[in-house]
PDB file of N, CA and C in Angstrom:
ATOM      1  N   UNK A   1      47.902  69.964 191.693  1.00  0.00           N
ATOM      2  CA  UNK A   1      47.234  71.256 191.667  1.00  0.00           C
ATOM      3  C   UNK A   1      46.826  71.579 190.225  1.00  0.00           C
ATOM      4  N   UNK A   2      45.555  71.893 190.032  1.00  0.00           N
ATOM      5  CA  UNK A   2      45.079  72.199 188.685  1.00  0.00           C
ATOM      6  C   UNK A   2      45.440  73.638 188.305  1.00  0.00           C
ATOM      7  N   UNK A   3      45.603  73.884 187.001  1.00  0.00           N
ATOM      8  CA  UNK A   3      45.944  75.232 186.548  1.00  0.00           C
ATOM      9  C   UNK A   3      44.840  76.215 186.942  1.00  0.00           C
ATOM     10  N   UNK A   4      45.188  77.480 187.143  1.00  0.00           N
ATOM     11  CA  UNK A   4      44.176  78.467 187.530  1.00  0.00           C
ATOM     12  C   UNK A   4      43.181  78.728 186.406  1.00  0.00           C
ATOM     13  N   UNK A   5      41.957  79.071 186.813  1.00  0.00           N
ATOM     14  CA  UNK A   5      40.928  79.464 185.857  1.00  0.00           C
ATOM     15  C   UNK A   5      40.549  80.906 186.171  1.00  0.00           C
ATOM     16  N   UNK A   6      40.684  81.770 185.190  1.00  0.00           N
ATOM     17  CA  UNK A   6      40.372  83.185 185.335  1.00  0.00           C
ATOM     18  C   UNK A   6      38.943  83.395 184.838  1.00  0.00           C
ATOM     19  N   UNK A   7      38.123  84.061 185.632  1.00  0.00           N
ATOM     20  CA  UNK A   7      36.736  84.313 185.254  1.00  0.00           C
ATOM     21  C   UNK A   7      36.587  85.732 184.733  1.00  0.00           C
ATOM     22  N   UNK A   8      36.000  85.856 183.545  1.00  0.00           N
ATOM     23  CA  UNK A   8      35.683  87.151 182.961  1.00  0.00           C
ATOM     24  C   UNK A   8      34.169  87.201 182.802  1.00  0.00           C
ATOM     25  N   UNK A   9      33.526  88.045 183.601  1.00  0.00           N
ATOM     26  CA  UNK A   9      32.071  88.166 183.567  1.00  0.00           C
ATOM     27  C   UNK A   9      31.700  89.373 182.713  1.00  0.00           C
ATOM     28  N   UNK A  10      31.259  89.118 181.492  1.00  0.00           N
ATOM     29  CA  UNK A  10      30.889  90.191 180.571  1.00  0.00           C
ATOM     30  C   UNK A  10      29.383  90.211 180.331  1.00  0.00           C
ATOM     31  N   UNK A  11      28.621  89.639 181.266  1.00  0.00           N
ATOM     32  CA  UNK A  11      27.165  89.685 181.129  1.00  0.00           C
ATOM     33  C   UNK A  11      26.700  91.138 181.202  1.00  0.00           C
ATOM     34  N   UNK A  12      25.725  91.462 180.375  1.00  0.00           N
ATOM     35  CA  UNK A  12      25.206  92.821 180.340  1.00  0.00           C
ATOM     36  C   UNK A  12      25.900  93.706 179.326  1.00  0.00           C
ATOM     37  N   UNK A  13      26.923  93.186 178.671  1.00  0.00           N
ATOM     38  CA  UNK A  13      27.649  93.950 177.660  1.00  0.00           C
ATOM     39  C   UNK A  13      27.394  93.350 176.289  1.00  0.00           C
ATOM     40  N   UNK A  14      27.362  94.191 175.294  1.00  0.00           N
ATOM     41  CA  UNK A  14      27.132  93.754 173.921  1.00  0.00           C
ATOM     42  C   UNK A  14      28.457  93.627 173.185  1.00  0.00           C
ATOM     43  N   UNK A  15      28.477  92.758 172.191  1.00  0.00           N
ATOM     44  CA  UNK A  15      29.677  92.575 171.380  1.00  0.00           C
ATOM     45  C   UNK A  15      30.024  93.890 170.707  1.00  0.00           C
ATOM     46  N   UNK A  16      31.297  94.195 170.669  1.00  0.00           N
ATOM     47  CA  UNK A  16      32.452  93.319 170.847  1.00  0.00           C
ATOM     48  C   UNK A  16      33.039  93.312 172.255  1.00  0.00           C
ATOM     49  N   UNK A  17      32.387  93.939 173.237  1.00  0.00           N
ATOM     50  CA  UNK A  17      32.964  94.055 174.578  1.00  0.00           C
ATOM     51  C   UNK A  17      33.325  92.696 175.188  1.00  0.00           C
ATOM     52  N   UNK A  18      32.475  91.669 175.169  1.00  0.00           N
ATOM     53  CA  UNK A  18      32.882  90.390 175.759  1.00  0.00           C
ATOM     54  C   UNK A  18      34.167  89.831 175.138  1.00  0.00           C
ATOM     55  N   UNK A  19      34.272  89.906 173.818  1.00  0.00           N
ATOM     56  CA  UNK A  19      35.470  89.393 173.144  1.00  0.00           C
ATOM     57  C   UNK A  19      36.696  90.227 173.494  1.00  0.00           C
ATOM     58  N   UNK A  20      36.545  91.533 173.597  1.00  0.00           N
ATOM     59  CA  UNK A  20      37.660  92.397 173.976  1.00  0.00           C
ATOM     60  C   UNK A  20      38.128  92.104 175.397  1.00  0.00           C
ATOM     61  N   UNK A  21      37.194  91.857 176.300  1.00  0.00           N
ATOM     62  CA  UNK A  21      37.566  91.516 177.677  1.00  0.00           C
ATOM     63  C   UNK A  21      38.251  90.157 177.731  1.00  0.00           C
ATOM     64  N   UNK A  22      37.783  89.225 176.908  1.00  0.00           N
ATOM     65  CA  UNK A  22      38.434  87.923 176.827  1.00  0.00           C
ATOM     66  C   UNK A  22      39.862  88.083 176.335  1.00  0.00           C
ATOM     67  N   UNK A  23      40.063  88.863 175.291  1.00  0.00           N
ATOM     68  CA  UNK A  23      41.405  89.072 174.754  1.00  0.00           C
ATOM     69  C   UNK A  23      42.333  89.664 175.803  1.00  0.00           C
ATOM     70  N   UNK A  24      41.866  90.651 176.531  1.00  0.00           N
ATOM     71  CA  UNK A  24      42.679  91.286 177.575  1.00  0.00           C
ATOM     72  C   UNK A  24      43.063  90.259 178.651  1.00  0.00           C
ATOM     73  N   UNK A  25      42.120  89.432 179.053  1.00  0.00           N
ATOM     74  CA  UNK A  25      42.404  88.416 180.072  1.00  0.00           C
ATOM     75  C   UNK A  25      43.401  87.383 179.548  1.00  0.00           C
ATOM     76  N   UNK A  26      43.273  86.983 178.292  1.00  0.00           N
ATOM     77  CA  UNK A  26      44.198  86.018 177.708  1.00  0.00           C
ATOM     78  C   UNK A  26      45.610  86.584 177.640  1.00  0.00           C
ATOM     79  N   UNK A  27      45.714  87.861 177.300  1.00  0.00           N
ATOM     80  CA  UNK A  27      47.039  88.494 177.229  1.00  0.00           C
ATOM     81  C   UNK A  27      47.721  88.524 178.585  1.00  0.00           C
ATOM     82  N   UNK A  28      46.942  88.617 179.645  1.00  0.00           N
ATOM     83  CA  UNK A  28      47.483  88.717 181.006  1.00  0.00           C
ATOM     84  C   UNK A  28      47.553  87.378 181.729  1.00  0.00           C
ATOM     85  N   UNK A  29      47.015  86.340 181.149  1.00  0.00           N
ATOM     86  CA  UNK A  29      46.924  85.034 181.821  1.00  0.00           C
ATOM     87  C   UNK A  29      48.309  84.422 182.018  1.00  0.00           C
ATOM     88  N   UNK A  30      48.559  83.890 183.220  1.00  0.00           N
ATOM     89  CA  UNK A  30      49.839  83.207 183.450  1.00  0.00           C
ATOM     90  C   UNK A  30      49.874  81.869 182.712  1.00  0.00           C
ATOM     91  N   UNK A  31      51.056  81.339 182.559  1.00  0.00           N
ATOM     92  CA  UNK A  31      51.225  80.042 181.894  1.00  0.00           C
ATOM     93  C   UNK A  31      50.373  78.988 182.596  1.00  0.00           C
ATOM     94  N   UNK A  32      49.711  78.173 181.822  1.00  0.00           N
ATOM     95  CA  UNK A  32      48.900  77.086 182.358  1.00  0.00           C
ATOM     96  C   UNK A  32      47.483  77.480 182.730  1.00  0.00           C
ATOM     97  N   UNK A  33      47.176  78.766 182.688  1.00  0.00           N
ATOM     98  CA  UNK A  33      45.839  79.219 183.067  1.00  0.00           C
ATOM     99  C   UNK A  33      44.852  79.020 181.926  1.00  0.00           C
ATOM    100  N   UNK A  34      43.594  78.941 182.291  1.00  0.00           N
ATOM    101  CA  UNK A  34      42.517  78.976 181.310  1.00  0.00           C
ATOM    102  C   UNK A  34      41.619  80.145 181.697  1.00  0.00           C
ATOM    103  N   UNK A  35      40.847  80.620 180.735  1.00  0.00           N
ATOM    104  CA  UNK A  35      39.975  81.769 180.959  1.00  0.00           C
ATOM    105  C   UNK A  35      38.545  81.354 180.642  1.00  0.00           C
ATOM    106  N   UNK A  36      37.637  81.617 181.588  1.00  0.00           N
ATOM    107  CA  UNK A  36      36.214  81.357 181.360  1.00  0.00           C
ATOM    108  C   UNK A  36      35.507  82.692 181.169  1.00  0.00           C
ATOM    109  N   UNK A  37      34.844  82.837 180.037  1.00  0.00           N
ATOM    110  CA  UNK A  37      34.086  84.037 179.716  1.00  0.00           C
ATOM    111  C   UNK A  37      32.604  83.747 179.876  1.00  0.00           C
ATOM    112  N   UNK A  38      31.907  84.603 180.619  1.00  0.00           N
ATOM    113  CA  UNK A  38      30.454  84.542 180.718  1.00  0.00           C
ATOM    114  C   UNK A  38      29.898  85.726 179.950  1.00  0.00           C
ATOM    115  N   UNK A  39      28.961  85.477 179.066  1.00  0.00           N
ATOM    116  CA  UNK A  39      28.356  86.529 178.257  1.00  0.00           C
ATOM    117  C   UNK A  39      26.890  86.201 178.027  1.00  0.00           C
ATOM    118  N   UNK A  40      26.086  87.240 177.836  1.00  0.00           N
ATOM    119  CA  UNK A  40      24.675  86.997 177.533  1.00  0.00           C
ATOM    120  C   UNK A  40      24.237  87.633 176.211  1.00  0.00           C
ATOM    121  N   UNK A  41      25.193  88.129 175.454  1.00  0.00           N
ATOM    122  CA  UNK A  41      24.899  88.636 174.117  1.00  0.00           C
ATOM    123  C   UNK A  41      24.938  87.456 173.146  1.00  0.00           C
ATOM    124  N   UNK A  42      23.836  87.172 172.460  1.00  0.00           N
ATOM    125  CA  UNK A  42      23.816  86.025 171.545  1.00  0.00           C
ATOM    126  C   UNK A  42      24.908  86.059 170.477  1.00  0.00           C
ATOM    127  N   UNK A  43      25.389  87.249 170.104  1.00  0.00           N
ATOM    128  CA  UNK A  43      26.444  87.334 169.098  1.00  0.00           C
ATOM    129  C   UNK A  43      27.766  86.767 169.595  1.00  0.00           C
ATOM    130  N   UNK A  44      27.945  86.654 170.901  1.00  0.00           N
ATOM    131  CA  UNK A  44      29.171  86.065 171.444  1.00  0.00           C
ATOM    132  C   UNK A  44      29.319  84.615 170.982  1.00  0.00           C
ATOM    133  N   UNK A  45      28.208  83.959 170.726  1.00  0.00           N
ATOM    134  CA  UNK A  45      28.225  82.568 170.243  1.00  0.00           C
ATOM    135  C   UNK A  45      28.997  82.463 168.922  1.00  0.00           C
ATOM    136  N   UNK A  46      29.014  83.546 168.147  1.00  0.00           N
ATOM    137  CA  UNK A  46      29.733  83.594 166.877  1.00  0.00           C
ATOM    138  C   UNK A  46      31.101  84.247 167.057  1.00  0.00           C
ATOM    139  N   UNK A  47      31.125  85.385 167.756  1.00  0.00           N
ATOM    140  CA  UNK A  47      32.346  86.187 167.887  1.00  0.00           C
ATOM    141  C   UNK A  47      33.470  85.479 168.626  1.00  0.00           C
ATOM    142  N   UNK A  48      33.154  84.837 169.738  1.00  0.00           N
ATOM    143  CA  UNK A  48      34.211  84.235 170.558  1.00  0.00           C
ATOM    144  C   UNK A  48      34.913  83.090 169.818  1.00  0.00           C
ATOM    145  N   UNK A  49      34.203  82.105 169.286  1.00  0.00           N
ATOM    146  CA  UNK A  49      34.914  81.049 168.540  1.00  0.00           C
ATOM    147  C   UNK A  49      35.712  81.600 167.359  1.00  0.00           C
ATOM    148  N   UNK A  50      35.176  82.592 166.678  1.00  0.00           N
ATOM    149  CA  UNK A  50      35.888  83.201 165.552  1.00  0.00           C
ATOM    150  C   UNK A  50      37.173  83.863 166.036  1.00  0.00           C
ATOM    151  N   UNK A  51      37.101  84.609 167.132  1.00  0.00           N
ATOM    152  CA  UNK A  51      38.284  85.263 167.696  1.00  0.00           C
ATOM    153  C   UNK A  51      39.337  84.234 168.099  1.00  0.00           C
ATOM    154  N   UNK A  52      38.938  83.194 168.807  1.00  0.00           N
ATOM    155  CA  UNK A  52      39.883  82.193 169.307  1.00  0.00           C
ATOM    156  C   UNK A  52      40.598  81.493 168.162  1.00  0.00           C
ATOM    157  N   UNK A  53      39.917  81.296 167.043  1.00  0.00           N
ATOM    158  CA  UNK A  53      40.519  80.638 165.883  1.00  0.00           C
ATOM    159  C   UNK A  53      41.774  81.358 165.409  1.00  0.00           C
ATOM    160  N   UNK A  54      41.826  82.657 165.542  1.00  0.00           N
ATOM    161  CA  UNK A  54      42.972  83.422 165.068  1.00  0.00           C
ATOM    162  C   UNK A  54      44.061  83.626 166.117  1.00  0.00           C
ATOM    163  N   UNK A  55      44.059  82.827 167.198  1.00  0.00           N
ATOM    164  CA  UNK A  55      45.028  82.997 168.279  1.00  0.00           C
ATOM    165  C   UNK A  55      45.755  81.684 168.563  1.00  0.00           C
ATOM    166  N   UNK A  56      46.651  81.718 169.544  1.00  0.00           N
ATOM    167  CA  UNK A  56      47.334  80.505 170.003  1.00  0.00           C
ATOM    168  C   UNK A  56      46.511  79.775 171.057  1.00  0.00           C
ATOM    169  N   UNK A  57      45.295  80.217 171.286  1.00  0.00           N
ATOM    170  CA  UNK A  57      44.410  79.627 172.281  1.00  0.00           C
ATOM    171  C   UNK A  57      43.404  78.722 171.594  1.00  0.00           C
ATOM    172  N   UNK A  58      42.770  77.844 172.362  1.00  0.00           N
ATOM    173  CA  UNK A  58      41.735  76.962 171.825  1.00  0.00           C
ATOM    174  C   UNK A  58      40.491  77.050 172.703  1.00  0.00           C
ATOM    175  N   UNK A  59      39.353  76.856 172.076  1.00  0.00           N
ATOM    176  CA  UNK A  59      38.087  76.814 172.792  1.00  0.00           C
ATOM    177  C   UNK A  59      37.939  75.410 173.368  1.00  0.00           C
ATOM    178  N   UNK A  60      38.063  75.298 174.689  1.00  0.00           N
ATOM    179  CA  UNK A  60      38.017  74.000 175.358  1.00  0.00           C
ATOM    180  C   UNK A  60      36.586  73.537 175.621  1.00  0.00           C
ATOM    181  N   UNK A  61      35.697  74.494 175.881  1.00  0.00           N
ATOM    182  CA  UNK A  61      34.303  74.156 176.173  1.00  0.00           C
ATOM    183  C   UNK A  61      33.422  75.356 175.884  1.00  0.00           C
ATOM    184  N   UNK A  62      32.201  75.070 175.468  1.00  0.00           N
ATOM    185  CA  UNK A  62      31.198  76.106 175.251  1.00  0.00           C
ATOM    186  C   UNK A  62      29.885  75.553 175.766  1.00  0.00           C
ATOM    187  N   UNK A  63      29.251  76.278 176.690  1.00  0.00           N
ATOM    188  CA  UNK A  63      28.005  75.820 177.298  1.00  0.00           C
ATOM    189  C   UNK A  63      27.002  76.963 177.333  1.00  0.00           C
ATOM    190  N   UNK A  64      25.744  76.598 177.427  1.00  0.00           N
ATOM    191  CA  UNK A  64      24.677  77.577 177.569  1.00  0.00           C
ATOM    192  C   UNK A  64      23.805  77.172 178.742  1.00  0.00           C
ATOM    193  N   UNK A  65      23.551  78.131 179.635  1.00  0.00           N
ATOM    194  CA  UNK A  65      22.637  77.898 180.748  1.00  0.00           C
ATOM    195  C   UNK A  65      21.659  79.063 180.770  1.00  0.00           C
ATOM    196  N   UNK A  66      20.445  78.804 180.330  1.00  0.00           N
ATOM    197  CA  UNK A  66      19.489  79.892 180.171  1.00  0.00           C
ATOM    198  C   UNK A  66      19.983  80.819 179.076  1.00  0.00           C
ATOM    199  N   UNK A  67      20.131  82.103 179.415  1.00  0.00           N
ATOM    200  CA  UNK A  67      20.620  83.082 178.448  1.00  0.00           C
ATOM    201  C   UNK A  67      22.115  83.325 178.571  1.00  0.00           C
ATOM    202  N   UNK A  68      22.762  82.636 179.497  1.00  0.00           N
ATOM    203  CA  UNK A  68      24.188  82.873 179.734  1.00  0.00           C
ATOM    204  C   UNK A  68      25.026  81.871 178.942  1.00  0.00           C
ATOM    205  N   UNK A  69      25.960  82.421 178.174  1.00  0.00           N
ATOM    206  CA  UNK A  69      26.911  81.609 177.419  1.00  0.00           C
ATOM    207  C   UNK A  69      28.200  81.535 178.226  1.00  0.00           C
ATOM    208  N   UNK A  70      28.800  80.372 178.267  1.00  0.00           N
ATOM    209  CA  UNK A  70      30.058  80.169 178.978  1.00  0.00           C
ATOM    210  C   UNK A  70      31.068  79.576 178.006  1.00  0.00           C
ATOM    211  N   UNK A  71      32.222  80.220 177.913  1.00  0.00           N
ATOM    212  CA  UNK A  71      33.292  79.771 177.031  1.00  0.00           C
ATOM    213  C   UNK A  71      34.529  79.538 177.881  1.00  0.00           C
ATOM    214  N   UNK A  72      35.140  78.365 177.772  1.00  0.00           N
ATOM    215  CA  UNK A  72      36.387  78.081 178.456  1.00  0.00           C
ATOM    216  C   UNK A  72      37.481  78.027 177.406  1.00  0.00           C
ATOM    217  N   UNK A  73      38.488  78.886 177.575  1.00  0.00           N
ATOM    218  CA  UNK A  73      39.557  79.022 176.595  1.00  0.00           C
ATOM    219  C   UNK A  73      40.887  78.713 177.276  1.00  0.00           C
ATOM    220  N   UNK A  74      41.733  77.911 176.615  1.00  0.00           N
ATOM    221  CA  UNK A  74      43.043  77.561 177.166  1.00  0.00           C
ATOM    222  C   UNK A  74      44.044  77.399 176.049  1.00  0.00           C
ATOM    223  N   UNK A  75      45.284  77.113 176.434  1.00  0.00           N
ATOM    224  CA  UNK A  75      46.350  76.891 175.451  1.00  0.00           C
ATOM    225  C   UNK A  75      46.171  75.532 174.797  1.00  0.00           C
ATOM    226  N   UNK A  76      46.585  75.422 173.534  1.00  0.00           N
ATOM    227  CA  UNK A  76      46.556  74.126 172.872  1.00  0.00           C
ATOM    228  C   UNK A  76      47.615  73.241 173.528  1.00  0.00           C
ATOM    229  N   UNK A  77      47.438  71.948 173.455  1.00  0.00           N
ATOM    230  CA  UNK A  77      48.338  70.993 174.113  1.00  0.00           C
ATOM    231  C   UNK A  77      49.778  71.163 173.664  1.00  0.00           C
ATOM    232  N   UNK A  78      50.007  71.534 172.416  1.00  0.00           N
ATOM    233  CA  UNK A  78      51.367  71.667 171.901  1.00  0.00           C
ATOM    234  C   UNK A  78      51.979  73.033 172.118  1.00  0.00           C
ATOM    235  N   UNK A  79      51.259  73.945 172.771  1.00  0.00           N
ATOM    236  CA  UNK A  79      51.736  75.315 172.953  1.00  0.00           C
ATOM    237  C   UNK A  79      52.091  75.563 174.394  1.00  0.00           C
ATOM    238  N   UNK A  80      53.356  75.817 174.663  1.00  0.00           N
ATOM    239  CA  UNK A  80      53.787  76.048 176.032  1.00  0.00           C
ATOM    240  C   UNK A  80      54.073  77.513 176.310  1.00  0.00           C
ATOM    241  N   UNK A  81      53.802  78.389 175.345  1.00  0.00           N
ATOM    242  CA  UNK A  81      54.048  79.823 175.544  1.00  0.00           C
ATOM    243  C   UNK A  81      53.025  80.412 176.503  1.00  0.00           C
ATOM    244  N   UNK A  82      53.399  81.499 177.149  1.00  0.00           N
ATOM    245  CA  UNK A  82      52.473  82.163 178.071  1.00  0.00           C
ATOM    246  C   UNK A  82      51.723  83.259 177.376  1.00  0.00           C
TER     247      UNK A  82
END
């Protein structure tokens, strides 16, 4: 069974709202979960990686489809904390 993926859809919101919603989801995420953030504010391309750098989480994937940015965030391999 693969770990759960939590979806945070922040399309239509401007920064810092997408990053704030991501932070809230990460704080509530169960052990082993990853969080996928969808955003359409171009500043999220800068804000989200910068935010993740200062946490115990890592940016696992970043994709763009049209105007929608997708960020997949999870725990680093050496971090077992929830």
